[in-house]
Structures are given as structure tokens and as C-alpha cells.
Amino acid sequence: MNEKDTLMSWFSSPVYSRYWQHYQHAMNWYQRHRRAYRKAMEVAYAPYYCQQSQRYADWRDDEEEEEESDAEDEESSSDSVIECDVSNMEISEELRQYFAQTEKHREELKRQQQLEAEQEDSYVPADQSLHSSFLRSSVAPPTERPGERRAAEMKKLYGDDAPKILAMEAAMQLTFDRNCDLKQPNYWPVIPLKL
């Protein structure tokens, strides 16, 4: 007996027969649920859903062939399975609203993912310096005087004490920059948790 046969035979042991029986029932339920969901969506959103299904028709052909073969296996393997005919099923207004809300959430999620993909271009890995990414210069001259807007904001916030506070902030920033230049610390990585 070679190594491949040993590896392939452990799961076909009679000890696991109950597990595989349960697995087969679960997969049959899943396939029935998918078919029922698709039929319900076709009934609820006939024109829109048909357009979507035509868009991915080449993807769905393989899945439908698998589902049909699974359905044939399912009918032959278990006679006690109850099939639901959803072609004459009435869909309540609440269910239609639920499907519409779900579709809106999917579109919002898709938009959010596109925005995140665009923002990843500006993502700076933890092992690179932030200063190199911020030193991008343009050829065009500035549209307003440097610091003019900041001075106006500070004047609005602090009134007559604005120049004093601006000077304190500038001194603190210069001290920070000088220490960064001298010691060249590594940046602490702020890595998003992406599961």
C-alpha cells in the first residue's frame, strides 16, 4: 500500500460514515435552498434579476450543471426529501422590501470596496518612511499664500493669542522634526486587520 492510498483512505473509513451522511444531507439542503432562493428572486425581481443572471451566464452554466447532477443524485439517494414548488408562491411586500434592502446593501458594500481599493494606492507600508510619500511636489504654484488659511483659523479660534499659540505649535513641531532627523526612528506599524 503506497502513501497516496494511505492518505486517501482515512476519510473513507466506516467510522466516518455518519459524518459523510450528515454532510450529504447538509449539502442537499444547501442546494435546494439555493435553487429556491434563485426562483424567489426571479419571481420578485423578474426583469432586474434576469439581467443580472444573463451578465454572469458563463459562470452559472457550470454551477447549474453541477446542481442538476446533484438534484438527480439527491432524488435517487433520498425519497423522503420534501421539495417546495416556489413557482406559484406569493411573495409578501415585506419580503420584497427585504430583498430590495439587501440589494441596496450589496451595492453600498460594492461602492465601499471600490473606495477602499482606491485608498489602498495611498497606503504606506510600515517599513517605508512616511516623509517620502508626502514630499510629492507639483509644478504648479500654490493657489494661496502658505499658512494664510491656518492663520485665519487660529485667529478665529484663539483671538489675540493666536500668534503666541502658533509659535508654540511651530516650536514643538520643529523639536519633533529635529529629533526625528537625529534618531531616525522606525514607524510603529498601524496595520489594519483584514480578515
N, C-alpha and C. Protein backbone atom coordinates (compact mmCIF):
# COMPACT_ATOMS: atom_id res chain seq x y z
N MET A 1 0.86 -1.19 0.00
CA MET A 1 0.00 0.00 0.00
C MET A 1 0.90 1.24 0.00
N ASN A 2 0.73 2.10 -1.01
CA ASN A 2 1.61 3.27 -1.07
C ASN A 2 1.06 4.41 -0.22
N GLU A 3 1.82 5.50 -0.18
CA GLU A 3 1.47 6.63 0.70
C GLU A 3 0.19 7.32 0.27
N LYS A 4 -0.03 7.41 -1.04
CA LYS A 4 -1.24 8.07 -1.55
C LYS A 4 -2.49 7.33 -1.11
N ASP A 5 -2.47 6.01 -1.21
CA ASP A 5 -3.63 5.22 -0.77
C ASP A 5 -3.89 5.39 0.71
N THR A 6 -2.82 5.50 1.48
CA THR A 6 -2.96 5.69 2.93
C THR A 6 -3.61 7.03 3.22
N LEU A 7 -3.17 8.07 2.51
CA LEU A 7 -3.74 9.40 2.74
C LEU A 7 -5.19 9.49 2.28
N MET A 8 -5.52 8.83 1.20
CA MET A 8 -6.87 8.92 0.64
C MET A 8 -7.86 8.01 1.36
N SER A 9 -7.40 7.05 2.12
CA SER A 9 -8.32 6.08 2.68
C SER A 9 -8.81 6.42 4.09
N TRP A 10 -8.19 7.35 4.76
CA TRP A 10 -8.59 7.60 6.15
C TRP A 10 -10.01 8.13 6.24
N PHE A 11 -10.43 8.95 5.27
CA PHE A 11 -11.76 9.53 5.36
C PHE A 11 -12.85 8.58 4.86
N SER A 12 -12.46 7.51 4.18
CA SER A 12 -13.47 6.56 3.71
C SER A 12 -13.69 5.42 4.71
N SER A 13 -13.14 5.57 5.87
CA SER A 13 -13.31 4.56 6.92
C SER A 13 -14.77 4.52 7.37
N PRO A 14 -15.29 3.35 7.74
CA PRO A 14 -16.68 3.25 8.21
C PRO A 14 -16.95 4.08 9.46
N VAL A 15 -15.90 4.44 10.18
CA VAL A 15 -16.08 5.26 11.38
C VAL A 15 -16.69 6.61 11.02
N TYR A 16 -16.36 7.10 9.83
CA TYR A 16 -16.82 8.43 9.42
C TYR A 16 -18.09 8.39 8.58
N SER A 17 -18.73 7.25 8.43
CA SER A 17 -19.92 7.15 7.57
C SER A 17 -21.05 8.06 8.04
N ARG A 18 -21.25 8.15 9.35
CA ARG A 18 -22.30 9.03 9.87
C ARG A 18 -22.00 10.49 9.52
N TYR A 19 -20.73 10.86 9.63
CA TYR A 19 -20.34 12.23 9.27
C TYR A 19 -20.65 12.50 7.80
N TRP A 20 -20.27 11.59 6.90
CA TRP A 20 -20.49 11.81 5.48
C TRP A 20 -21.98 11.80 5.14
N GLN A 21 -22.75 11.00 5.87
CA GLN A 21 -24.20 11.01 5.65
C GLN A 21 -24.77 12.38 6.03
N HIS A 22 -24.36 12.87 7.19
CA HIS A 22 -24.80 14.19 7.61
C HIS A 22 -24.34 15.28 6.63
N TYR A 23 -23.11 15.18 6.18
CA TYR A 23 -22.57 16.14 5.22
C TYR A 23 -23.40 16.12 3.93
N GLN A 24 -23.74 14.95 3.45
CA GLN A 24 -24.53 14.84 2.22
C GLN A 24 -25.91 15.46 2.41
N HIS A 25 -26.54 15.24 3.56
CA HIS A 25 -27.85 15.85 3.83
C HIS A 25 -27.72 17.38 3.87
N ALA A 26 -26.68 17.86 4.50
CA ALA A 26 -26.49 19.31 4.59
C ALA A 26 -26.26 19.92 3.21
N MET A 27 -25.47 19.27 2.37
CA MET A 27 -25.22 19.78 1.02
C MET A 27 -26.49 19.73 0.17
N ASN A 28 -27.28 18.69 0.34
CA ASN A 28 -28.55 18.62 -0.39
C ASN A 28 -29.47 19.75 0.03
N TRP A 29 -29.54 20.00 1.33
CA TRP A 29 -30.37 21.12 1.81
C TRP A 29 -29.86 22.43 1.24
N TYR A 30 -28.54 22.61 1.23
CA TYR A 30 -27.95 23.85 0.71
C TYR A 30 -28.30 24.05 -0.76
N GLN A 31 -28.21 22.99 -1.56
CA GLN A 31 -28.52 23.12 -2.98
C GLN A 31 -30.00 23.43 -3.19
N ARG A 32 -30.87 22.77 -2.41
CA ARG A 32 -32.30 23.07 -2.53
C ARG A 32 -32.58 24.52 -2.14
N HIS A 33 -31.92 24.99 -1.09
CA HIS A 33 -32.10 26.36 -0.64
C HIS A 33 -31.64 27.34 -1.71
N ARG A 34 -30.52 27.08 -2.34
CA ARG A 34 -30.03 27.96 -3.39
C ARG A 34 -31.00 28.02 -4.56
N ARG A 35 -31.53 26.85 -4.96
CA ARG A 35 -32.49 26.84 -6.06
C ARG A 35 -33.75 27.61 -5.68
N ALA A 36 -34.25 27.40 -4.46
CA ALA A 36 -35.46 28.09 -4.01
C ALA A 36 -35.22 29.59 -3.93
N TYR A 37 -34.06 29.99 -3.44
CA TYR A 37 -33.73 31.42 -3.35
C TYR A 37 -33.67 32.04 -4.75
N ARG A 38 -33.02 31.34 -5.67
CA ARG A 38 -32.92 31.87 -7.04
C ARG A 38 -34.31 32.01 -7.66
N LYS A 39 -35.16 31.00 -7.45
CA LYS A 39 -36.51 31.09 -8.01
C LYS A 39 -37.29 32.22 -7.37
N ALA A 40 -37.13 32.41 -6.07
CA ALA A 40 -37.84 33.51 -5.39
C ALA A 40 -37.35 34.85 -5.91
N MET A 41 -36.05 34.97 -6.13
CA MET A 41 -35.52 36.23 -6.67
C MET A 41 -36.03 36.47 -8.08
N GLU A 42 -36.14 35.41 -8.88
CA GLU A 42 -36.66 35.56 -10.23
C GLU A 42 -38.12 36.02 -10.21
N VAL A 43 -38.88 35.49 -9.28
CA VAL A 43 -40.28 35.89 -9.17
C VAL A 43 -40.40 37.33 -8.67
N ALA A 44 -39.59 37.69 -7.68
CA ALA A 44 -39.69 39.02 -7.07
C ALA A 44 -39.14 40.11 -7.98
N TYR A 45 -38.02 39.85 -8.60
CA TYR A 45 -37.35 40.87 -9.40
C TYR A 45 -37.11 40.32 -10.80
N ALA A 46 -38.15 39.89 -11.45
CA ALA A 46 -38.01 39.19 -12.72
C ALA A 46 -37.13 39.95 -13.73
N PRO A 47 -37.43 41.21 -14.09
CA PRO A 47 -36.59 41.84 -15.13
C PRO A 47 -35.16 42.11 -14.67
N TYR A 48 -35.02 42.65 -13.48
CA TYR A 48 -33.68 43.01 -12.99
C TYR A 48 -32.84 41.77 -12.73
N TYR A 49 -33.43 40.78 -12.11
CA TYR A 49 -32.69 39.57 -11.76
C TYR A 49 -32.29 38.80 -13.01
N CYS A 50 -33.15 38.80 -14.02
CA CYS A 50 -32.80 38.11 -15.26
C CYS A 50 -31.63 38.78 -15.94
N GLN A 51 -31.58 40.13 -15.90
CA GLN A 51 -30.44 40.84 -16.47
C GLN A 51 -29.16 40.46 -15.75
N GLN A 52 -29.23 40.40 -14.42
CA GLN A 52 -28.05 40.05 -13.64
C GLN A 52 -27.61 38.62 -13.95
N SER A 53 -28.57 37.71 -14.08
CA SER A 53 -28.20 36.32 -14.32
C SER A 53 -27.63 36.16 -15.72
N GLN A 54 -28.09 36.97 -16.70
CA GLN A 54 -27.53 36.89 -18.04
C GLN A 54 -26.11 37.44 -18.07
N ARG A 55 -25.83 38.41 -17.23
CA ARG A 55 -24.50 39.01 -17.19
C ARG A 55 -23.45 37.97 -16.82
N TYR A 56 -23.79 37.06 -15.91
CA TYR A 56 -22.85 36.05 -15.46
C TYR A 56 -23.24 34.66 -15.95
N ALA A 57 -23.81 34.60 -17.13
CA ALA A 57 -24.31 33.32 -17.64
C ALA A 57 -23.19 32.31 -17.81
N ASP A 58 -22.02 32.76 -18.25
CA ASP A 58 -20.93 31.81 -18.45
C ASP A 58 -20.45 31.22 -17.14
N TRP A 59 -20.59 31.95 -16.04
CA TRP A 59 -20.20 31.42 -14.73
C TRP A 59 -21.24 30.42 -14.24
N ARG A 60 -22.49 30.74 -14.52
CA ARG A 60 -23.58 29.96 -13.94
C ARG A 60 -23.77 28.63 -14.65
N ASP A 61 -23.32 28.49 -15.89
CA ASP A 61 -23.54 27.24 -16.62
C ASP A 61 -22.95 26.06 -15.87
N ASP A 62 -21.71 26.23 -15.42
CA ASP A 62 -21.06 25.14 -14.69
C ASP A 62 -21.80 24.83 -13.40
N GLU A 63 -22.23 25.88 -12.69
CA GLU A 63 -22.93 25.67 -11.42
C GLU A 63 -24.25 24.96 -11.65
N GLU A 64 -24.98 25.38 -12.71
CA GLU A 64 -26.28 24.77 -12.97
C GLU A 64 -26.13 23.31 -13.35
N GLU A 65 -25.07 23.00 -14.12
CA GLU A 65 -24.85 21.59 -14.46
C GLU A 65 -24.57 20.78 -13.20
N GLU A 66 -23.78 21.35 -12.29
CA GLU A 66 -23.50 20.67 -11.03
C GLU A 66 -24.77 20.49 -10.22
N GLU A 67 -25.60 21.56 -10.19
CA GLU A 67 -26.85 21.49 -9.43
C GLU A 67 -27.78 20.43 -10.00
N GLU A 68 -27.86 20.36 -11.35
CA GLU A 68 -28.73 19.38 -11.95
C GLU A 68 -28.25 17.96 -11.63
N SER A 69 -26.93 17.76 -11.70
CA SER A 69 -26.42 16.43 -11.36
C SER A 69 -26.63 16.13 -9.88
N ASP A 70 -26.48 17.17 -9.02
CA ASP A 70 -26.74 16.99 -7.60
C ASP A 70 -28.22 16.68 -7.35
N ALA A 71 -29.09 17.34 -8.11
CA ALA A 71 -30.52 17.11 -7.94
C ALA A 71 -30.88 15.67 -8.32
N GLU A 72 -30.26 15.17 -9.39
CA GLU A 72 -30.53 13.79 -9.78
C GLU A 72 -30.03 12.82 -8.71
N ASP A 73 -28.83 13.09 -8.19
CA ASP A 73 -28.29 12.25 -7.12
C ASP A 73 -29.19 12.31 -5.89
N GLU A 74 -29.67 13.52 -5.61
CA GLU A 74 -30.50 13.73 -4.42
C GLU A 74 -31.80 12.94 -4.52
N GLU A 75 -32.44 12.98 -5.71
CA GLU A 75 -33.69 12.26 -5.88
C GLU A 75 -33.49 10.75 -5.76
N SER A 76 -32.36 10.28 -6.26
CA SER A 76 -32.13 8.84 -6.19
C SER A 76 -31.71 8.40 -4.79
N SER A 77 -31.01 9.30 -4.05
CA SER A 77 -30.49 8.89 -2.74
C SER A 77 -31.52 8.97 -1.62
N SER A 78 -32.43 9.91 -1.68
CA SER A 78 -33.39 10.03 -0.58
C SER A 78 -34.79 10.28 -1.12
N ASP A 79 -35.68 9.38 -0.78
CA ASP A 79 -37.07 9.52 -1.22
C ASP A 79 -37.90 10.33 -0.25
N SER A 80 -37.41 10.55 0.97
CA SER A 80 -38.19 11.25 1.98
C SER A 80 -38.00 12.77 1.95
N VAL A 81 -37.25 13.28 0.98
CA VAL A 81 -37.00 14.72 0.90
C VAL A 81 -38.24 15.41 0.36
N ILE A 82 -38.60 16.52 0.99
CA ILE A 82 -39.77 17.28 0.58
C ILE A 82 -39.30 18.43 -0.31
N GLU A 83 -39.80 18.49 -1.53
CA GLU A 83 -39.46 19.57 -2.45
C GLU A 83 -40.54 20.65 -2.37
N CYS A 84 -40.13 21.89 -2.44
CA CYS A 84 -41.06 23.01 -2.42
C CYS A 84 -41.15 23.60 -3.81
N ASP A 85 -42.36 23.73 -4.30
CA ASP A 85 -42.58 24.38 -5.59
C ASP A 85 -42.83 25.86 -5.33
N VAL A 86 -41.87 26.70 -5.70
CA VAL A 86 -41.99 28.13 -5.42
C VAL A 86 -42.47 28.91 -6.63
N SER A 87 -42.82 28.23 -7.72
CA SER A 87 -43.26 28.95 -8.91
C SER A 87 -44.60 29.65 -8.67
N ASN A 88 -45.47 29.08 -7.85
CA ASN A 88 -46.77 29.69 -7.56
C ASN A 88 -46.78 30.40 -6.21
N MET A 89 -45.63 30.57 -5.64
CA MET A 89 -45.54 31.16 -4.30
C MET A 89 -45.77 32.66 -4.36
N GLU A 90 -46.60 33.17 -3.47
CA GLU A 90 -46.82 34.61 -3.38
C GLU A 90 -45.80 35.20 -2.44
N ILE A 91 -45.18 36.27 -2.88
CA ILE A 91 -44.16 36.91 -2.07
C ILE A 91 -44.78 38.17 -1.46
N SER A 92 -44.70 38.26 -0.15
CA SER A 92 -45.30 39.39 0.54
C SER A 92 -44.50 40.67 0.28
N GLU A 93 -45.14 41.77 0.58
CA GLU A 93 -44.48 43.07 0.39
C GLU A 93 -43.26 43.20 1.30
N GLU A 94 -43.35 42.64 2.51
CA GLU A 94 -42.20 42.70 3.42
C GLU A 94 -40.99 41.98 2.84
N LEU A 95 -41.23 40.83 2.21
CA LEU A 95 -40.12 40.08 1.62
C LEU A 95 -39.53 40.85 0.44
N ARG A 96 -40.38 41.48 -0.35
CA ARG A 96 -39.89 42.31 -1.46
C ARG A 96 -39.03 43.46 -0.92
N GLN A 97 -39.50 44.09 0.15
CA GLN A 97 -38.72 45.18 0.75
C GLN A 97 -37.40 44.65 1.29
N TYR A 98 -37.44 43.47 1.89
CA TYR A 98 -36.21 42.87 2.40
C TYR A 98 -35.21 42.62 1.28
N PHE A 99 -35.69 42.06 0.16
CA PHE A 99 -34.80 41.81 -0.97
C PHE A 99 -34.26 43.14 -1.53
N ALA A 100 -35.12 44.16 -1.59
CA ALA A 100 -34.66 45.46 -2.09
C ALA A 100 -33.59 46.05 -1.17
N GLN A 101 -33.83 45.96 0.14
CA GLN A 101 -32.85 46.47 1.11
C GLN A 101 -31.53 45.70 1.01
N THR A 102 -31.63 44.39 0.85
CA THR A 102 -30.43 43.57 0.70
C THR A 102 -29.65 43.98 -0.53
N GLU A 103 -30.35 44.23 -1.61
CA GLU A 103 -29.68 44.66 -2.86
C GLU A 103 -29.01 46.02 -2.68
N LYS A 104 -29.68 46.93 -1.96
CA LYS A 104 -29.07 48.23 -1.68
C LYS A 104 -27.80 48.07 -0.85
N HIS A 105 -27.86 47.19 0.14
CA HIS A 105 -26.67 46.96 0.98
C HIS A 105 -25.52 46.38 0.15
N ARG A 106 -25.85 45.50 -0.77
CA ARG A 106 -24.81 44.92 -1.63
C ARG A 106 -24.16 46.02 -2.48
N GLU A 107 -25.00 46.89 -3.04
CA GLU A 107 -24.45 47.99 -3.86
C GLU A 107 -23.59 48.92 -3.02
N GLU A 108 -24.04 49.24 -1.80
CA GLU A 108 -23.24 50.09 -0.92
C GLU A 108 -21.92 49.42 -0.57
N LEU A 109 -21.96 48.12 -0.30
CA LEU A 109 -20.74 47.38 0.00
C LEU A 109 -19.79 47.39 -1.18
N LYS A 110 -20.34 47.23 -2.38
CA LYS A 110 -19.51 47.26 -3.58
C LYS A 110 -18.86 48.63 -3.75
N ARG A 111 -19.65 49.70 -3.53
CA ARG A 111 -19.08 51.06 -3.61
C ARG A 111 -18.00 51.25 -2.56
N GLN A 112 -18.25 50.77 -1.35
CA GLN A 112 -17.28 50.90 -0.27
C GLN A 112 -15.99 50.15 -0.60
N GLN A 113 -16.11 48.98 -1.18
CA GLN A 113 -14.93 48.22 -1.56
C GLN A 113 -14.14 48.91 -2.66
N GLN A 114 -14.85 49.57 -3.58
CA GLN A 114 -14.15 50.32 -4.62
C GLN A 114 -13.39 51.50 -4.01
N LEU A 115 -14.02 52.19 -3.05
CA LEU A 115 -13.34 53.30 -2.39
C LEU A 115 -12.12 52.82 -1.63
N GLU A 116 -12.24 51.68 -0.94
CA GLU A 116 -11.10 51.13 -0.21
C GLU A 116 -9.98 50.74 -1.16
N ALA A 117 -10.34 50.20 -2.33
CA ALA A 117 -9.31 49.84 -3.31
C ALA A 117 -8.58 51.08 -3.81
N GLU A 118 -9.32 52.19 -3.99
CA GLU A 118 -8.68 53.43 -4.41
C GLU A 118 -7.79 53.98 -3.30
N GLN A 119 -8.21 53.82 -2.05
CA GLN A 119 -7.42 54.33 -0.94
C GLN A 119 -6.17 53.49 -0.69
N GLU A 120 -6.18 52.24 -1.13
CA GLU A 120 -5.00 51.40 -0.93
C GLU A 120 -3.82 51.89 -1.74
N ASP A 121 -4.08 52.67 -2.80
CA ASP A 121 -2.98 53.23 -3.57
C ASP A 121 -2.16 54.19 -2.72
N SER A 122 -2.83 54.89 -1.80
CA SER A 122 -2.12 55.84 -0.95
C SER A 122 -1.62 55.21 0.34
N TYR A 123 -1.81 53.91 0.51
CA TYR A 123 -1.38 53.20 1.71
C TYR A 123 0.14 53.11 1.74
N VAL A 124 0.73 53.44 2.86
CA VAL A 124 2.18 53.37 3.02
C VAL A 124 2.50 52.17 3.90
N PRO A 125 3.26 51.21 3.38
CA PRO A 125 3.63 50.06 4.21
C PRO A 125 4.44 50.49 5.42
N ALA A 126 4.40 49.69 6.47
CA ALA A 126 5.03 50.04 7.73
C ALA A 126 6.54 50.15 7.62
N ASP A 127 7.15 49.46 6.67
CA ASP A 127 8.60 49.51 6.57
C ASP A 127 9.11 50.66 5.71
N GLN A 128 8.22 51.51 5.19
CA GLN A 128 8.64 52.66 4.40
C GLN A 128 8.44 53.93 5.20
N SER A 129 9.20 54.94 4.85
CA SER A 129 9.11 56.22 5.53
C SER A 129 7.90 57.00 5.05
N LEU A 130 7.24 57.66 5.96
CA LEU A 130 6.09 58.49 5.60
C LEU A 130 6.53 59.75 4.87
N HIS A 131 7.72 60.26 5.18
CA HIS A 131 8.17 61.52 4.60
C HIS A 131 8.32 61.42 3.09
N SER A 132 8.76 60.28 2.59
CA SER A 132 8.96 60.15 1.15
C SER A 132 7.63 60.21 0.40
N SER A 133 6.56 59.72 0.99
CA SER A 133 5.27 59.75 0.31
C SER A 133 4.61 61.12 0.38
N PHE A 134 4.97 61.92 1.38
CA PHE A 134 4.35 63.25 1.50
C PHE A 134 5.14 64.33 0.76
N LEU A 135 6.31 64.02 0.26
CA LEU A 135 7.12 65.03 -0.39
C LEU A 135 6.84 65.13 -1.88
N ARG A 136 5.70 64.70 -2.30
CA ARG A 136 5.33 64.81 -3.71
C ARG A 136 5.09 66.29 -4.02
N SER A 137 5.83 66.80 -4.96
CA SER A 137 5.68 68.21 -5.29
C SER A 137 5.03 68.35 -6.66
N SER A 138 4.37 69.46 -6.84
CA SER A 138 3.75 69.73 -8.12
C SER A 138 4.49 70.88 -8.78
N VAL A 139 4.31 71.02 -10.06
CA VAL A 139 4.96 72.08 -10.82
C VAL A 139 4.19 73.38 -10.68
N ALA A 140 2.89 73.30 -10.45
CA ALA A 140 2.05 74.49 -10.38
C ALA A 140 2.35 75.28 -9.10
N PRO A 141 2.28 76.61 -9.19
CA PRO A 141 2.50 77.42 -7.98
C PRO A 141 1.31 77.29 -7.05
N PRO A 142 1.49 77.58 -5.76
CA PRO A 142 0.37 77.47 -4.82
C PRO A 142 -0.73 78.47 -5.18
N THR A 143 -1.97 78.06 -4.92
CA THR A 143 -3.10 78.92 -5.26
C THR A 143 -3.33 80.00 -4.21
N GLU A 144 -2.84 79.79 -3.00
CA GLU A 144 -2.96 80.80 -1.94
C GLU A 144 -1.67 80.85 -1.15
N ARG A 145 -1.52 81.90 -0.38
CA ARG A 145 -0.29 82.06 0.40
C ARG A 145 -0.19 80.96 1.45
N PRO A 146 1.00 80.39 1.63
CA PRO A 146 1.16 79.34 2.63
C PRO A 146 0.86 79.87 4.03
N GLY A 147 0.06 79.13 4.77
CA GLY A 147 -0.24 79.49 6.14
C GLY A 147 -1.35 80.51 6.31
N GLU A 148 -1.86 81.05 5.23
CA GLU A 148 -2.89 82.09 5.34
C GLU A 148 -4.18 81.51 5.93
N ARG A 149 -4.59 80.37 5.42
CA ARG A 149 -5.81 79.75 5.92
C ARG A 149 -5.63 79.32 7.38
N ARG A 150 -4.46 78.74 7.68
CA ARG A 150 -4.18 78.31 9.06
C ARG A 150 -4.21 79.49 10.01
N ALA A 151 -3.61 80.61 9.61
CA ALA A 151 -3.59 81.81 10.45
C ALA A 151 -5.01 82.33 10.69
N ALA A 152 -5.85 82.28 9.65
CA ALA A 152 -7.23 82.74 9.79
C ALA A 152 -8.00 81.83 10.77
N GLU A 153 -7.78 80.52 10.65
CA GLU A 153 -8.45 79.58 11.57
C GLU A 153 -8.00 79.82 13.01
N MET A 154 -6.70 79.99 13.19
CA MET A 154 -6.18 80.22 14.54
C MET A 154 -6.69 81.54 15.11
N LYS A 155 -6.78 82.54 14.27
CA LYS A 155 -7.29 83.84 14.72
C LYS A 155 -8.75 83.69 15.17
N LYS A 156 -9.51 82.90 14.42
CA LYS A 156 -10.91 82.67 14.78
C LYS A 156 -11.02 81.90 16.09
N LEU A 157 -10.15 80.88 16.28
CA LEU A 157 -10.21 80.05 17.48
C LEU A 157 -9.68 80.77 18.73
N TYR A 158 -8.51 81.41 18.60
CA TYR A 158 -7.82 81.92 19.78
C TYR A 158 -7.79 83.44 19.90
N GLY A 159 -8.30 84.12 18.91
CA GLY A 159 -8.37 85.59 19.00
C GLY A 159 -6.99 86.23 19.01
N ASP A 160 -6.74 87.10 19.99
CA ASP A 160 -5.48 87.85 20.05
C ASP A 160 -4.29 86.97 20.42
N ASP A 161 -4.54 85.82 21.04
CA ASP A 161 -3.44 84.93 21.43
C ASP A 161 -3.02 83.97 20.31
N ALA A 162 -3.58 84.10 19.13
CA ALA A 162 -3.29 83.19 18.03
C ALA A 162 -1.80 83.16 17.67
N PRO A 163 -1.11 84.30 17.52
CA PRO A 163 0.32 84.23 17.16
C PRO A 163 1.15 83.50 18.20
N LYS A 164 0.83 83.68 19.47
CA LYS A 164 1.57 83.01 20.54
C LYS A 164 1.39 81.48 20.45
N ILE A 165 0.15 81.03 20.21
CA ILE A 165 -0.13 79.60 20.12
C ILE A 165 0.48 79.02 18.85
N LEU A 166 0.44 79.78 17.75
CA LEU A 166 1.08 79.33 16.51
C LEU A 166 2.59 79.14 16.73
N ALA A 167 3.21 80.05 17.45
CA ALA A 167 4.64 79.96 17.73
C ALA A 167 4.95 78.73 18.59
N MET A 168 4.10 78.45 19.60
CA MET A 168 4.31 77.27 20.44
C MET A 168 4.17 75.99 19.63
N GLU A 169 3.18 75.94 18.75
CA GLU A 169 3.00 74.75 17.91
C GLU A 169 4.17 74.58 16.96
N ALA A 170 4.65 75.69 16.38
CA ALA A 170 5.79 75.62 15.46
C ALA A 170 7.04 75.13 16.20
N ALA A 171 7.28 75.62 17.42
CA ALA A 171 8.44 75.19 18.20
C ALA A 171 8.36 73.70 18.50
N MET A 172 7.18 73.22 18.87
CA MET A 172 7.01 71.80 19.18
C MET A 172 7.23 70.95 17.93
N GLN A 173 6.70 71.40 16.78
CA GLN A 173 6.87 70.65 15.54
C GLN A 173 8.33 70.62 15.11
N LEU A 174 9.03 71.75 15.27
CA LEU A 174 10.45 71.79 14.92
C LEU A 174 11.27 70.86 15.82
N THR A 175 10.96 70.82 17.11
CA THR A 175 11.64 69.91 18.02
C THR A 175 11.41 68.46 17.62
N PHE A 176 10.18 68.15 17.29
CA PHE A 176 9.85 66.79 16.85
C PHE A 176 10.61 66.43 15.58
N ASP A 177 10.59 67.34 14.58
CA ASP A 177 11.29 67.08 13.32
C ASP A 177 12.79 66.92 13.54
N ARG A 178 13.38 67.75 14.40
CA ARG A 178 14.81 67.65 14.68
C ARG A 178 15.15 66.29 15.31
N ASN A 179 14.34 65.86 16.28
CA ASN A 179 14.58 64.55 16.91
C ASN A 179 14.40 63.41 15.92
N CYS A 180 13.43 63.53 15.04
CA CYS A 180 13.24 62.50 14.01
C CYS A 180 14.44 62.44 13.07
N ASP A 181 14.99 63.62 12.72
CA ASP A 181 16.16 63.65 11.85
C ASP A 181 17.39 63.06 12.55
N LEU A 182 17.54 63.33 13.81
CA LEU A 182 18.72 62.84 14.54
C LEU A 182 18.65 61.35 14.79
N LYS A 183 17.53 60.87 15.27
CA LYS A 183 17.43 59.48 15.72
C LYS A 183 16.85 58.54 14.66
N GLN A 184 16.19 59.08 13.67
CA GLN A 184 15.57 58.31 12.59
C GLN A 184 14.84 57.07 13.10
N PRO A 185 13.79 57.27 13.88
CA PRO A 185 13.07 56.12 14.45
C PRO A 185 12.28 55.37 13.38
N ASN A 186 12.05 54.10 13.66
CA ASN A 186 11.17 53.32 12.79
C ASN A 186 9.74 53.63 13.19
N TYR A 187 8.89 53.70 12.19
CA TYR A 187 7.49 53.99 12.49
C TYR A 187 6.82 52.75 13.06
N TRP A 188 5.98 52.97 14.05
CA TRP A 188 5.21 51.87 14.61
C TRP A 188 4.14 51.50 13.60
N PRO A 189 4.07 50.25 13.21
CA PRO A 189 3.13 49.89 12.14
C PRO A 189 1.68 49.96 12.60
N VAL A 190 0.89 50.64 11.84
CA VAL A 190 -0.54 50.66 12.08
C VAL A 190 -1.14 49.83 10.94
N ILE A 191 -1.30 48.57 11.21
CA ILE A 191 -1.72 47.63 10.17
C ILE A 191 -3.20 47.30 10.40
N PRO A 192 -4.03 47.55 9.39
CA PRO A 192 -5.45 47.22 9.54
C PRO A 192 -5.64 45.72 9.58
N LEU A 193 -6.61 45.30 10.37
CA LEU A 193 -6.94 43.89 10.48
C LEU A 193 -7.91 43.54 9.37
N LYS A 194 -7.42 42.81 8.39
CA LYS A 194 -8.26 42.44 7.26
C LYS A 194 -8.43 40.93 7.29
N LEU A 195 -9.62 40.49 7.62
CA LEU A 195 -9.89 39.05 7.67
C LEU A 195 -10.54 38.58 6.41
